Amino acid sequence: MITTRFLSVILFLLPSLVLAQETVTVIGTTVTQTFTAAASTTPVSAQYTNSLNFRESILNSTNTFRYEHSAGYIYWNETLATYAQSYSENCVWEHSHGPYGENLARGYPDVIESVDAWGNERSMYDFSSTDPTGFTEATGHFTQLVWQGTQATGCGWTDCNGKNGLDGIYLVCEYWPAGNVVGDDNFYFKQNVFAERSGGQSGFDELAATRGVTGGTPTSTGGITPVNTPAATSSGVSIGAPMAEVDRNGLLVTVCVTLAALLFGLGMS
């Protein structure tokens, strides 16, 4: 039989036991919260870090879209690449306002995903032979990518790592001659942006598509200068390619310069 005195001792010690248990629980919780997992790091894809892989990836993916839209394969150009690399290092999320066509992308894990993002804008483009979409910010990357008159590209990239608010890889690609030429009721888009061929990628020659990795130098920009640069998209991953304004006489001069370059073996290698 429990005596009154023994019961009093138990009741006296019980709060201390409960308090001790609560203290252990609090300490355990506090200790658990002090441990944090190390931030995960994703290595930069070899499509960026390996120079040859970079050029081949750009040409392969770009020329795949060009083939699907019946445009000729384009070549790598070191003049354009140097310009693109220099501009990418600024980590400024806007177009460079330079003399070439230009596509920008940021945050994609590899080159092919960046180019795919540009090319997949075709789903929003109306290929009507009488009233095509023409230039829009939403489809400007795509139309530059497959522009019939473009012959060369060169790209550069920088891991901005938060510089000027940009995280991840910032990819810049330049194109010569520039696409997205506006005017004359979308005349230039009717001549340079074709609907997807019925065969898709059937017959695509990857070897031929990447043969131009050795590069060349444009003989002229043909007087086509991008103007009226659009603003950044709300998603913050790409900016529509700038458009260029020329009249038909300007286009004729460009065509003549291009033909002369081809005939005399200038410009491309």
Protein backbone atom coordinates (compact mmCIF):
# COMPACT_ATOMS: atom_id res chain seq x y z
CA MET A 1 0.00 0.00 0.00
CA ILE A 2 1.41 3.37 -1.08
CA THR A 3 1.85 5.70 1.86
CA THR A 4 0.91 9.36 1.68
CA ARG A 5 4.54 10.37 2.11
CA PHE A 6 5.73 8.17 -0.84
CA LEU A 7 3.00 9.52 -3.06
CA SER A 8 4.04 13.04 -2.18
CA VAL A 9 7.61 12.28 -3.29
CA ILE A 10 6.44 10.94 -6.63
CA LEU A 11 4.25 13.97 -7.23
CA PHE A 12 7.19 16.20 -6.34
CA LEU A 13 9.56 14.54 -8.81
CA LEU A 14 7.08 14.15 -11.70
CA PRO A 15 7.33 17.74 -13.00
CA SER A 16 11.12 17.41 -13.06
CA LEU A 17 10.94 14.22 -15.11
CA VAL A 18 8.50 15.76 -17.57
CA LEU A 19 10.64 18.89 -17.85
CA ALA A 20 13.72 16.81 -18.52
CA GLN A 21 11.95 14.95 -21.31
CA GLU A 22 10.77 18.18 -22.92
CA THR A 23 14.28 19.64 -22.71
CA VAL A 24 15.77 16.66 -24.51
CA THR A 25 13.12 16.98 -27.23
CA VAL A 26 13.86 20.67 -27.73
CA ILE A 27 17.60 20.10 -27.84
CA GLY A 28 17.15 17.28 -30.35
CA THR A 29 15.05 19.47 -32.58
CA THR A 30 17.53 22.32 -32.40
CA VAL A 31 20.47 20.11 -33.28
CA THR A 32 18.58 18.62 -36.23
CA GLN A 33 17.94 22.08 -37.66
CA THR A 34 21.59 23.04 -37.58
CA PHE A 35 22.50 20.45 -40.23
CA THR A 36 22.03 21.51 -43.86
CA ALA A 37 22.73 19.54 -47.02
CA ALA A 38 25.49 20.82 -49.27
CA ALA A 39 24.19 22.63 -52.35
CA SER A 40 24.04 20.30 -55.33
CA THR A 41 26.21 21.24 -58.29
CA THR A 42 25.49 20.34 -61.89
CA PRO A 43 28.60 20.10 -64.08
CA VAL A 44 28.57 22.22 -67.23
CA SER A 45 27.84 20.09 -70.30
CA ALA A 46 30.72 19.18 -72.62
CA GLN A 47 28.57 20.69 -75.36
CA TYR A 48 29.71 23.99 -73.86
CA THR A 49 33.15 23.25 -72.45
CA ASN A 50 34.61 21.30 -75.38
CA SER A 51 35.29 23.69 -78.24
CA LEU A 52 34.80 21.18 -81.06
CA ASN A 53 31.75 19.68 -79.36
CA PHE A 54 30.33 23.18 -78.96
CA ARG A 55 30.66 24.04 -82.65
CA GLU A 56 29.37 20.66 -83.79
CA SER A 57 26.38 20.85 -81.45
CA ILE A 58 25.47 24.32 -82.71
CA LEU A 59 25.74 23.31 -86.37
CA ASN A 60 24.07 19.93 -85.97
CA SER A 61 21.04 21.28 -84.12
CA THR A 62 20.77 24.47 -86.19
CA ASN A 63 21.11 22.66 -89.50
CA THR A 64 18.58 20.04 -88.45
CA PHE A 65 15.94 22.75 -88.21
CA ARG A 66 17.18 24.35 -91.42
CA TYR A 67 16.96 21.03 -93.25
CA GLU A 68 13.43 20.46 -91.99
CA HIS A 69 12.47 23.85 -93.40
CA SER A 70 14.29 23.40 -96.73
CA ALA A 71 17.10 25.85 -95.94
CA GLY A 72 20.75 25.15 -96.79
CA TYR A 73 23.31 24.10 -94.18
CA ILE A 74 25.23 26.98 -92.66
CA TYR A 75 28.87 27.15 -91.56
CA TRP A 76 30.72 28.12 -88.41
CA ASN A 77 32.34 31.54 -88.56
CA GLU A 78 35.08 32.71 -86.20
CA THR A 79 34.38 36.42 -86.74
CA LEU A 80 30.83 35.88 -85.57
CA ALA A 81 31.96 33.58 -82.74
CA THR A 82 34.44 36.13 -81.42
CA TYR A 83 31.78 38.82 -81.44
CA ALA A 84 29.28 36.50 -79.69
CA GLN A 85 31.80 35.40 -77.04
CA SER A 86 32.82 38.96 -76.25
CA TYR A 87 29.22 40.06 -75.87
CA SER A 88 28.20 37.07 -73.74
CA GLU A 89 30.88 37.94 -71.18
CA ASN A 90 29.03 41.18 -70.37
CA CYS A 91 26.10 39.13 -69.01
CA VAL A 92 23.66 41.79 -70.18
CA TRP A 93 20.17 40.46 -70.93
CA GLU A 94 19.44 42.47 -74.06
CA HIS A 95 20.50 42.44 -77.70
CA SER A 96 23.89 43.82 -78.67
CA HIS A 97 22.53 46.04 -81.48
CA GLY A 98 25.37 44.77 -83.67
CA PRO A 99 25.49 44.26 -87.45
CA TYR A 100 24.35 40.61 -87.40
CA GLY A 101 21.26 38.58 -86.69
CA GLU A 102 21.29 37.43 -83.08
CA ASN A 103 19.65 34.84 -80.81
CA LEU A 104 20.05 34.80 -77.03
CA ALA A 105 19.27 32.11 -74.46
CA ARG A 106 20.10 31.50 -70.82
CA GLY A 107 19.79 28.73 -68.27
CA TYR A 108 19.62 25.74 -70.62
CA PRO A 109 21.71 22.71 -69.55
CA ASP A 110 23.21 22.12 -72.98
CA VAL A 111 23.52 23.65 -76.45
CA ILE A 112 20.96 21.44 -78.16
CA GLU A 113 18.23 22.35 -75.66
CA SER A 114 18.92 26.04 -76.29
CA VAL A 115 18.64 25.69 -80.06
CA ASP A 116 15.60 23.44 -79.70
CA ALA A 117 13.91 26.17 -77.66
CA TRP A 118 14.47 28.60 -80.53
CA GLY A 119 13.41 26.17 -83.24
CA ASN A 120 10.32 24.94 -81.44
CA GLU A 121 8.81 28.40 -81.77
CA ARG A 122 7.71 27.21 -85.21
CA SER A 123 4.56 25.83 -83.59
CA MET A 124 3.41 29.45 -83.18
CA TYR A 125 4.29 30.55 -86.73
CA ASP A 126 1.75 30.81 -89.55
CA PHE A 127 3.40 29.75 -92.82
CA SER A 128 0.62 31.13 -95.02
CA SER A 129 1.95 31.96 -98.47
CA THR A 130 -0.18 35.10 -98.59
CA ASP A 131 -0.24 36.29 -94.97
CA PRO A 132 2.57 34.71 -92.90
CA THR A 133 3.29 35.69 -89.31
CA GLY A 134 6.41 37.65 -90.25
CA PHE A 135 8.43 39.04 -87.36
CA THR A 136 7.22 38.65 -83.79
CA GLU A 137 9.12 38.42 -80.52
CA ALA A 138 7.52 35.02 -79.89
CA THR A 139 8.84 33.48 -83.13
CA GLY A 140 11.87 35.64 -83.95
CA HIS A 141 14.43 33.02 -82.86
CA PHE A 142 12.90 30.43 -85.15
CA THR A 143 12.68 32.65 -88.22
CA GLN A 144 16.34 33.67 -87.85
CA LEU A 145 17.36 30.06 -87.35
CA VAL A 146 15.83 28.86 -90.65
CA TRP A 147 16.23 32.05 -92.70
CA GLN A 148 17.09 30.96 -96.23
CA GLY A 149 19.55 33.80 -96.88
CA THR A 150 21.68 33.19 -93.78
CA GLN A 151 24.98 31.45 -94.54
CA ALA A 152 27.02 31.46 -91.33
CA THR A 153 26.77 31.41 -87.56
CA GLY A 154 29.12 31.85 -84.64
CA CYS A 155 28.30 31.54 -80.96
CA GLY A 156 29.79 32.17 -77.54
CA TRP A 157 28.79 31.46 -73.96
CA THR A 158 29.50 32.56 -70.42
CA ASP A 159 28.51 31.13 -67.05
CA CYS A 160 27.26 34.42 -65.59
CA ASN A 161 26.80 33.00 -62.07
CA GLY A 162 24.58 35.87 -60.92
CA LYS A 163 26.41 38.70 -62.68
CA ASN A 164 23.89 41.44 -63.53
CA GLY A 165 21.20 39.14 -62.21
CA LEU A 166 21.89 36.39 -64.75
CA ASP A 167 22.28 32.82 -63.50
CA GLY A 168 23.57 29.86 -65.44
CA ILE A 169 24.89 29.68 -69.00
CA TYR A 170 24.27 32.69 -71.22
CA LEU A 171 24.41 31.66 -74.90
CA VAL A 172 24.76 34.19 -77.72
CA CYS A 173 24.61 33.25 -81.42
CA GLU A 174 25.25 35.60 -84.33
CA TYR A 175 24.07 35.06 -87.93
CA TRP A 176 25.24 36.41 -91.29
CA PRO A 177 23.55 37.71 -93.34
CA ALA A 178 20.92 38.73 -90.81
CA GLY A 179 17.44 37.30 -91.03
CA ASN A 180 14.11 38.77 -89.92
CA VAL A 181 14.12 41.41 -92.64
CA VAL A 182 10.81 43.27 -92.41
CA GLY A 183 8.92 45.36 -94.91
CA ASP A 184 6.93 45.09 -98.15
CA ASP A 185 4.05 43.20 -96.55
CA ASN A 186 6.31 40.40 -95.22
CA PHE A 187 7.83 39.85 -98.66
CA TYR A 188 11.16 38.73 -97.18
CA PHE A 189 9.55 36.22 -94.83
CA LYS A 190 7.65 34.70 -97.75
CA GLN A 191 10.97 34.27 -99.54
CA ASN A 192 13.04 33.04 -96.59
CA VAL A 193 10.88 31.12 -94.09
CA PHE A 194 9.39 27.90 -95.48
CA ALA A 195 6.98 25.44 -93.91
CA GLU A 196 8.31 22.15 -92.57
CA ARG A 197 9.03 19.67 -95.34
CA SER A 198 6.84 16.59 -95.46
CA GLY A 199 9.80 14.24 -94.91
CA GLY A 200 10.89 15.89 -91.65
CA GLN A 201 14.47 14.80 -90.86
CA SER A 202 14.44 12.01 -93.46
CA GLY A 203 17.61 12.35 -95.51
CA PHE A 204 19.35 14.67 -93.04
CA ASP A 205 23.13 14.29 -93.35
CA GLU A 206 24.80 14.98 -90.01
CA LEU A 207 28.28 14.74 -91.51
CA ALA A 208 27.47 17.37 -94.12
CA ALA A 209 25.64 19.48 -91.54
CA THR A 210 28.70 19.70 -89.27
CA ARG A 211 31.36 19.88 -91.98
CA GLY A 212 31.54 23.65 -91.65
CA VAL A 213 33.04 23.65 -88.14
CA THR A 214 36.40 24.88 -89.48
CA GLY A 215 34.91 28.35 -90.00
CA GLY A 216 35.36 31.28 -92.34
CA THR A 217 35.02 35.05 -92.44
CA PRO A 218 32.10 36.98 -93.93
CA THR A 219 33.23 39.29 -96.71
CA SER A 220 30.50 41.80 -95.90
CA THR A 221 27.49 42.30 -93.66
CA GLY A 222 25.58 43.38 -96.78
CA GLY A 223 24.38 46.56 -95.16
CA ILE A 224 21.75 44.71 -93.09
CA THR A 225 21.72 46.18 -89.60
CA PRO A 226 19.34 44.98 -86.86
CA VAL A 227 17.10 47.75 -85.51
CA ASN A 228 14.12 48.04 -83.20
CA THR A 229 15.32 45.40 -80.75
CA PRO A 230 12.39 43.81 -78.84
CA ALA A 231 12.29 43.59 -75.06
CA ALA A 232 13.04 40.49 -73.00
CA THR A 233 10.35 37.87 -72.65
CA SER A 234 8.54 37.51 -69.35
CA SER A 235 9.97 34.01 -68.88
CA GLY A 236 13.50 35.38 -68.90
CA VAL A 237 15.00 32.55 -70.92
CA SER A 238 15.17 34.08 -74.36
CA ILE A 239 14.80 37.29 -76.31
CA GLY A 240 13.29 37.40 -79.78
CA ALA A 241 15.85 37.81 -82.53
CA PRO A 242 16.20 41.41 -83.71
CA MET A 243 14.72 42.35 -87.03
CA ALA A 244 16.38 44.25 -89.84
CA GLU A 245 14.86 46.81 -92.13
CA VAL A 246 16.01 47.13 -95.73
CA ASP A 247 14.30 48.01 -98.93
CA ARG A 248 14.33 45.81 -102.04
CA ASN A 249 17.31 47.67 -103.46
CA GLY A 250 19.21 46.87 -100.27
CA LEU A 251 18.28 43.22 -100.57
CA LEU A 252 19.46 43.18 -104.18
CA VAL A 253 22.85 44.54 -103.11
CA THR A 254 23.08 41.84 -100.45
CA VAL A 255 22.27 39.11 -102.96
CA CYS A 256 24.88 40.43 -105.39
CA VAL A 257 27.57 40.57 -102.68
CA THR A 258 26.71 37.04 -101.60
CA LEU A 259 26.84 35.68 -105.14
CA ALA A 260 30.17 37.39 -105.77
CA ALA A 261 31.58 35.84 -102.58
CA LEU A 262 30.45 32.39 -103.63
CA LEU A 263 31.72 32.74 -107.19
CA PHE A 264 35.17 33.91 -106.17
CA GLY A 265 35.55 31.59 -103.20
CA LEU A 266 35.47 34.30 -100.60
CA GLY A 267 33.90 34.31 -97.18
CA MET A 268 33.25 30.67 -96.39
CA SER A 269 35.54 27.72 -95.98
